[in-house]
Protein backbone atom coordinates (compact mmCIF):
# COMPACT_ATOMS: atom_id res chain seq x y z
CA UNK A 1 33.84 68.64 -50.77
CA UNK A 2 31.41 65.61 -49.88
CA UNK A 3 32.79 62.29 -48.32
CA UNK A 4 33.17 59.29 -50.85
CA UNK A 5 30.81 56.96 -50.82
CA UNK A 6 31.50 53.79 -49.31
CA UNK A 7 32.84 51.00 -51.66
CA UNK A 8 35.96 49.93 -52.82
CA UNK A 9 39.17 52.05 -51.60
CA UNK A 10 36.26 53.83 -48.41
CA UNK A 11 37.88 53.96 -45.04
CA UNK A 12 37.26 50.45 -43.58
CA UNK A 13 36.47 52.51 -39.95
CA UNK A 14 33.48 54.20 -41.36
CA UNK A 15 32.95 52.90 -44.97
CA UNK A 16 33.53 55.81 -46.54
CA UNK A 17 30.54 58.14 -44.78
CA UNK A 18 33.80 60.69 -42.20
CA UNK A 19 31.94 59.41 -38.88
CA UNK A 20 32.43 56.72 -36.59
CA UNK A 21 30.24 55.58 -33.54
CA UNK A 22 31.66 55.62 -30.51
CA UNK A 23 30.00 53.33 -28.05
CA UNK A 24 28.01 54.79 -24.99
CA UNK A 25 25.36 54.78 -22.60
CA UNK A 26 23.18 55.27 -25.05
CA UNK A 27 22.68 54.68 -29.15
CA UNK A 28 26.43 56.08 -29.54
CA UNK A 29 27.83 59.38 -30.57
CA UNK A 30 28.93 59.87 -33.46
CA UNK A 31 32.64 61.60 -34.28
CA UNK A 32 34.76 62.62 -37.20
CA UNK A 33 36.65 59.59 -38.29
CA UNK A 34 40.62 60.04 -38.60
CA UNK A 35 40.41 59.64 -42.04
CA UNK A 36 38.54 62.95 -42.62
CA UNK A 37 41.68 64.55 -41.07
CA UNK A 38 44.44 62.54 -43.34
CA UNK A 39 41.66 63.26 -46.05
CA UNK A 40 42.07 67.44 -45.94
CA UNK A 41 45.92 67.02 -44.90
CA UNK A 42 46.04 65.57 -48.52
CA UNK A 43 43.87 68.45 -50.31
CA UNK A 44 45.43 70.81 -48.43
CA UNK A 45 48.72 69.55 -49.40
CA UNK A 46 48.31 69.38 -53.26
CA UNK A 47 46.73 72.77 -52.99
CA UNK A 48 50.10 74.50 -51.18
CA UNK A 49 52.20 74.22 -54.07
CA UNK A 50 54.79 72.40 -53.35
CA UNK A 51 57.22 71.97 -56.49
CA UNK A 52 57.10 68.48 -57.66
CA UNK A 53 60.65 67.72 -57.19
CA UNK A 54 60.92 68.79 -53.49
CA UNK A 55 57.20 66.94 -52.67
CA UNK A 56 59.30 64.18 -50.34
CA UNK A 57 60.91 66.12 -48.58
CA UNK A 58 60.54 65.78 -44.98
CA UNK A 59 62.94 66.37 -42.02
CA UNK A 60 64.06 63.03 -41.20
CA UNK A 61 65.35 62.55 -45.22
CA UNK A 62 67.25 65.84 -44.25
CA UNK A 63 71.02 65.00 -44.58
CA UNK A 64 73.00 66.45 -41.88
CA UNK A 65 76.56 64.48 -42.67
CA UNK A 66 77.79 61.33 -43.71
CA UNK A 67 79.04 62.73 -47.06
CA UNK A 68 82.62 64.23 -48.27
CA UNK A 69 83.77 67.25 -47.68
CA UNK A 70 81.30 68.10 -44.99
CA UNK A 71 83.42 70.08 -42.39
CA UNK A 72 82.53 69.45 -38.59
CA UNK A 73 80.95 72.98 -38.78
CA UNK A 74 79.23 72.19 -41.79
CA UNK A 75 77.76 69.38 -39.64
CA UNK A 76 77.25 71.56 -36.95
CA UNK A 77 74.97 74.17 -38.80
CA UNK A 78 73.05 71.25 -40.93
CA UNK A 79 72.07 69.62 -37.43
CA UNK A 80 71.40 73.15 -35.94
CA UNK A 81 69.32 73.72 -38.86
CA UNK A 82 67.18 70.93 -38.87
CA UNK A 83 66.93 70.86 -34.74
CA UNK A 84 65.59 74.57 -35.26
CA UNK A 85 62.78 73.50 -37.76
CA UNK A 86 61.72 70.74 -35.76
CA UNK A 87 61.70 72.85 -32.89
CA UNK A 88 59.77 75.36 -34.68
CA UNK A 89 57.00 72.70 -36.33
CA UNK A 90 56.40 71.31 -32.78
CA UNK A 91 56.08 74.98 -31.39
CA UNK A 92 53.85 76.54 -34.08
CA UNK A 93 50.78 76.83 -31.97
CA UNK A 94 50.34 79.11 -28.90
CA UNK A 95 48.27 78.98 -26.01
CA UNK A 96 44.10 78.87 -27.67
CA UNK A 97 45.62 77.33 -30.67
CA UNK A 98 46.44 79.72 -32.44
CA UNK A 99 49.64 80.35 -34.98
CA UNK A 100 52.27 81.90 -33.17
CA UNK A 101 53.52 84.75 -35.51
CA UNK A 102 57.59 84.41 -35.73
CA UNK A 103 58.66 82.43 -38.67
CA UNK A 104 62.42 81.35 -39.76
CA UNK A 105 64.79 82.66 -42.38
CA UNK A 106 67.53 79.66 -44.02
CA UNK A 107 70.49 81.93 -45.16
CA UNK A 108 72.84 79.82 -46.98
CA UNK A 109 74.28 79.49 -50.62
CA UNK A 110 72.92 77.57 -53.12
CA UNK A 111 72.79 74.06 -52.90
CA UNK A 112 72.46 74.05 -48.88
CA UNK A 113 68.71 72.56 -47.82
CA UNK A 114 67.33 75.61 -47.85
CA UNK A 115 64.35 74.92 -49.45
CA UNK A 116 64.65 71.42 -48.50
CA UNK A 117 63.85 71.89 -45.00
CA UNK A 118 61.14 74.74 -46.01
CA UNK A 119 59.12 72.65 -47.79
CA UNK A 120 59.11 70.36 -44.92
CA UNK A 121 58.23 72.75 -42.31
CA UNK A 122 55.56 73.55 -44.46
CA UNK A 123 54.18 70.10 -45.10
CA UNK A 124 54.66 68.83 -41.67
CA UNK A 125 52.41 71.59 -40.38
CA UNK A 126 49.88 70.80 -42.82
CA UNK A 127 49.74 66.84 -41.99
CA UNK A 128 49.60 67.91 -38.37
CA UNK A 129 47.31 70.53 -37.76
CA UNK A 130 45.91 71.50 -41.07
CA UNK A 131 47.43 74.08 -41.64
CA UNK A 132 46.50 76.25 -45.09
CA UNK A 133 49.71 76.53 -45.97
CA UNK A 134 51.49 77.95 -49.45
CA UNK A 135 54.56 77.55 -51.32
CA UNK A 136 56.11 80.68 -53.82
CA UNK A 137 59.19 80.93 -55.42
CA UNK A 138 59.10 84.94 -55.08
CA UNK A 139 60.66 84.62 -58.95
CA UNK A 140 57.95 82.95 -60.47
CA UNK A 141 55.43 84.95 -58.51
CA UNK A 142 56.66 88.04 -60.62
CA UNK A 143 56.26 85.96 -63.84
CA UNK A 144 52.53 84.99 -62.68
CA UNK A 145 51.82 88.14 -61.58
CA UNK A 146 53.42 90.39 -64.69
CA UNK A 147 51.01 87.91 -66.88
CA UNK A 148 47.93 89.41 -64.89
CA UNK A 149 48.96 92.75 -66.97
CA UNK A 150 47.77 90.95 -70.41
CA UNK A 151 44.54 92.02 -71.23
CA UNK A 152 43.37 88.28 -71.81
CA UNK A 153 44.47 86.75 -68.63
CA UNK A 154 42.39 84.69 -67.03
CA UNK A 155 43.64 85.86 -63.44
CA UNK A 156 43.38 88.85 -61.85
CA UNK A 157 46.65 90.20 -59.66
CA UNK A 158 44.19 90.09 -56.70
CA UNK A 159 43.46 86.40 -57.51
CA UNK A 160 47.09 85.28 -57.56
CA UNK A 161 48.27 87.85 -54.15
CA UNK A 162 45.40 87.36 -52.21
CA UNK A 163 46.15 83.53 -51.59
CA UNK A 164 49.77 84.15 -50.75
CA UNK A 165 49.07 86.95 -48.34
CA UNK A 166 46.48 85.08 -46.44
CA UNK A 167 47.64 82.05 -46.55
CA UNK A 168 48.42 80.45 -42.74
CA UNK A 169 51.62 79.86 -43.34
CA UNK A 170 53.92 81.36 -46.16
CA UNK A 171 56.90 79.62 -47.92
CA UNK A 172 58.69 82.72 -49.38
CA UNK A 173 61.59 80.83 -51.38
CA UNK A 174 64.47 82.82 -53.05
CA UNK A 175 63.59 85.83 -50.81
CA UNK A 176 66.05 88.74 -52.83
CA UNK A 177 66.52 86.91 -55.75
CA UNK A 178 64.79 89.51 -58.09
CA UNK A 179 66.31 92.66 -59.42
CA UNK A 180 65.24 95.01 -56.91
CA UNK A 181 63.33 97.57 -59.28
CA UNK A 182 61.20 99.61 -57.86
CA UNK A 183 57.76 97.26 -58.61
CA UNK A 184 59.41 94.06 -57.78
CA UNK A 185 59.78 96.09 -54.47
CA UNK A 186 56.68 97.33 -54.36
CA UNK A 187 55.20 93.95 -54.34
CA UNK A 188 57.78 92.16 -52.09
CA UNK A 189 56.51 95.45 -49.67
CA UNK A 190 52.45 94.03 -49.75
CA UNK A 191 53.38 91.32 -49.33
CA UNK A 192 55.89 91.17 -46.28
CA UNK A 193 54.58 94.10 -44.43
CA UNK A 194 50.90 92.82 -44.96
CA UNK A 195 51.48 89.76 -43.17
CA UNK A 196 53.90 91.10 -40.97
CA UNK A 197 50.83 93.58 -39.72
CA UNK A 198 48.69 90.87 -39.70
CA UNK A 199 51.33 88.42 -37.85
CA UNK A 200 50.81 85.88 -40.22
CA UNK A 201 54.11 83.28 -39.64
CA UNK A 202 56.77 82.96 -42.69
CA UNK A 203 59.39 80.65 -43.46
CA UNK A 204 62.08 82.46 -45.67
CA UNK A 205 64.67 81.29 -47.96
CA UNK A 206 67.40 83.32 -49.30
CA UNK A 207 71.44 83.06 -50.97
CA UNK A 208 71.74 87.13 -49.43
CA UNK A 209 73.37 87.51 -46.05
CA UNK A 210 71.30 89.31 -43.01
CA UNK A 211 73.50 91.52 -40.73
CA UNK A 212 73.47 89.53 -37.87
CA UNK A 213 75.07 90.33 -34.32
CA UNK A 214 78.61 88.57 -33.42
CA UNK A 215 79.42 87.32 -30.09
CA UNK A 216 81.94 89.89 -28.66
CA UNK A 217 81.34 92.60 -32.18
CA UNK A 218 80.54 96.03 -31.59
CA UNK A 219 78.45 96.12 -34.69
CA UNK A 220 77.00 93.65 -36.92
CA UNK A 221 78.85 91.26 -39.11
CA UNK A 222 78.83 92.95 -42.44
CA UNK A 223 80.34 90.52 -44.88
CA UNK A 224 80.52 91.35 -48.54
CA UNK A 225 78.21 94.25 -49.56
CA UNK A 226 77.20 92.69 -52.60
CA UNK A 227 75.81 89.13 -50.45
CA UNK A 228 73.92 91.62 -48.26
CA UNK A 229 70.43 91.19 -48.57
CA UNK A 230 69.61 94.89 -47.55
CA UNK A 231 71.16 95.43 -51.29
CA UNK A 232 68.34 93.68 -52.56
CA UNK A 233 65.31 94.38 -50.36
CA UNK A 234 64.18 97.50 -48.67
CA UNK A 235 65.61 98.48 -45.30
CA UNK A 236 61.96 98.74 -44.19
CA UNK A 237 61.88 95.02 -45.17
CA UNK A 238 64.91 94.06 -43.09
CA UNK A 239 63.94 95.98 -39.90
CA UNK A 240 60.45 93.86 -40.03
CA UNK A 241 62.50 90.38 -40.47
CA UNK A 242 64.25 91.07 -37.94
CA UNK A 243 61.47 90.79 -35.99
CA UNK A 244 59.18 88.17 -38.36
CA UNK A 245 61.94 85.48 -38.09
CA UNK A 246 64.36 83.34 -36.67
CA UNK A 247 67.49 83.48 -38.75
CA UNK A 248 69.20 79.90 -39.19
CA UNK A 249 72.29 80.10 -40.79
CA UNK A 250 74.01 77.40 -43.42
CA UNK A 251 76.34 79.65 -44.90
CA UNK A 252 79.13 77.73 -43.77
CA UNK A 253 77.74 74.47 -45.88
CA UNK A 254 78.77 73.16 -49.05
CA UNK A 255 76.66 73.32 -52.38
CA UNK A 256 75.33 69.62 -51.90
CA UNK A 257 74.07 69.48 -55.64
CA UNK A 258 77.48 69.71 -56.71
CA UNK A 259 79.78 67.82 -53.96
CA UNK A 260 77.40 64.86 -53.81
CA UNK A 261 75.21 64.96 -56.51
CA UNK A 262 77.21 65.29 -59.20
CA UNK A 263 79.89 62.56 -57.68
CA UNK A 264 76.84 59.88 -57.74
CA UNK A 265 76.05 60.90 -61.59
CA UNK A 266 79.75 59.99 -62.61
CA UNK A 267 79.88 56.87 -60.36
CA UNK A 268 76.21 55.34 -62.02
CA UNK A 269 77.51 56.71 -65.20
C-alpha cells in the first residue's frame, strides 16, 4: 500500500511521506515514521475479522466486579482471567522476536466474558506488535465453508481456510458449539492440528469444560458428561489442547448479559 500524500489529515511529523529525517553529523538519516506502524496496525485490525459488537473490547474495559451478584469467587476468577490475558500479551514474543507457541483456552458458560478477553488479546497484539491475527467464530466458519460447495461460489474452501490456518495468532471462538459430525470434526482437525504442528499460537473460547487436574484428586475433574469438551471434539484434539493452550476458567461467573445488561435495560425503560 502506498503512503498517503501530504495534505489534510497527513501526519504532521512526516507530512504523509512515511519517513522522518533524524539529524546526524551529515545530511541526516531517514527512518520510518511512527505513523507507518499506526497505519499498519489499523489495516491489520480491519482485516482481522473482529465483529462490530466486540470492536471496542480491551483488557482495561473488561469488568471484574462492581455488579450485583458477583461472588468473591467470581471476582477472583475474573481478575485471574484478565491477569492471565495481560501476561499472555506481555510475554507473547520469545527471544529472537518469534511468537511463543502456547495460547489460551477461556472456559465458561455464556456471558462470562470469554470472547471479550479473546478479542482484547488479539487487538492488543495487533496494535503492539503488528501481529497478523484472525478472529473466527467456528459456527460461522463452517457455514462459510459449506457455501463454497455452491458451483457459483466466488470463494474456494482453501481461500476460506488458508487465512485461518496461517494466521500468526488465531482466535477460535465457540469451540465445540457445532454438532460433532464427521465432516465438522475433519475441518476442526485440519485447523487445530496444522496450527499445532506449525507451532502457531491460538486463543480458544468454549462453553464446554476441559477435564482438569484437581488439587489432591487422584483423577481429573470430570464434571457433567454433557458439558465436557471431549464430548464435542475428538480425543486427539483434546490431547493437543492440553499442550497448545493454558486453560483459564470462568465457570464460577454469572451470565453478565443476564445479570447486568438486562437490569440496565429495565432501569432505562
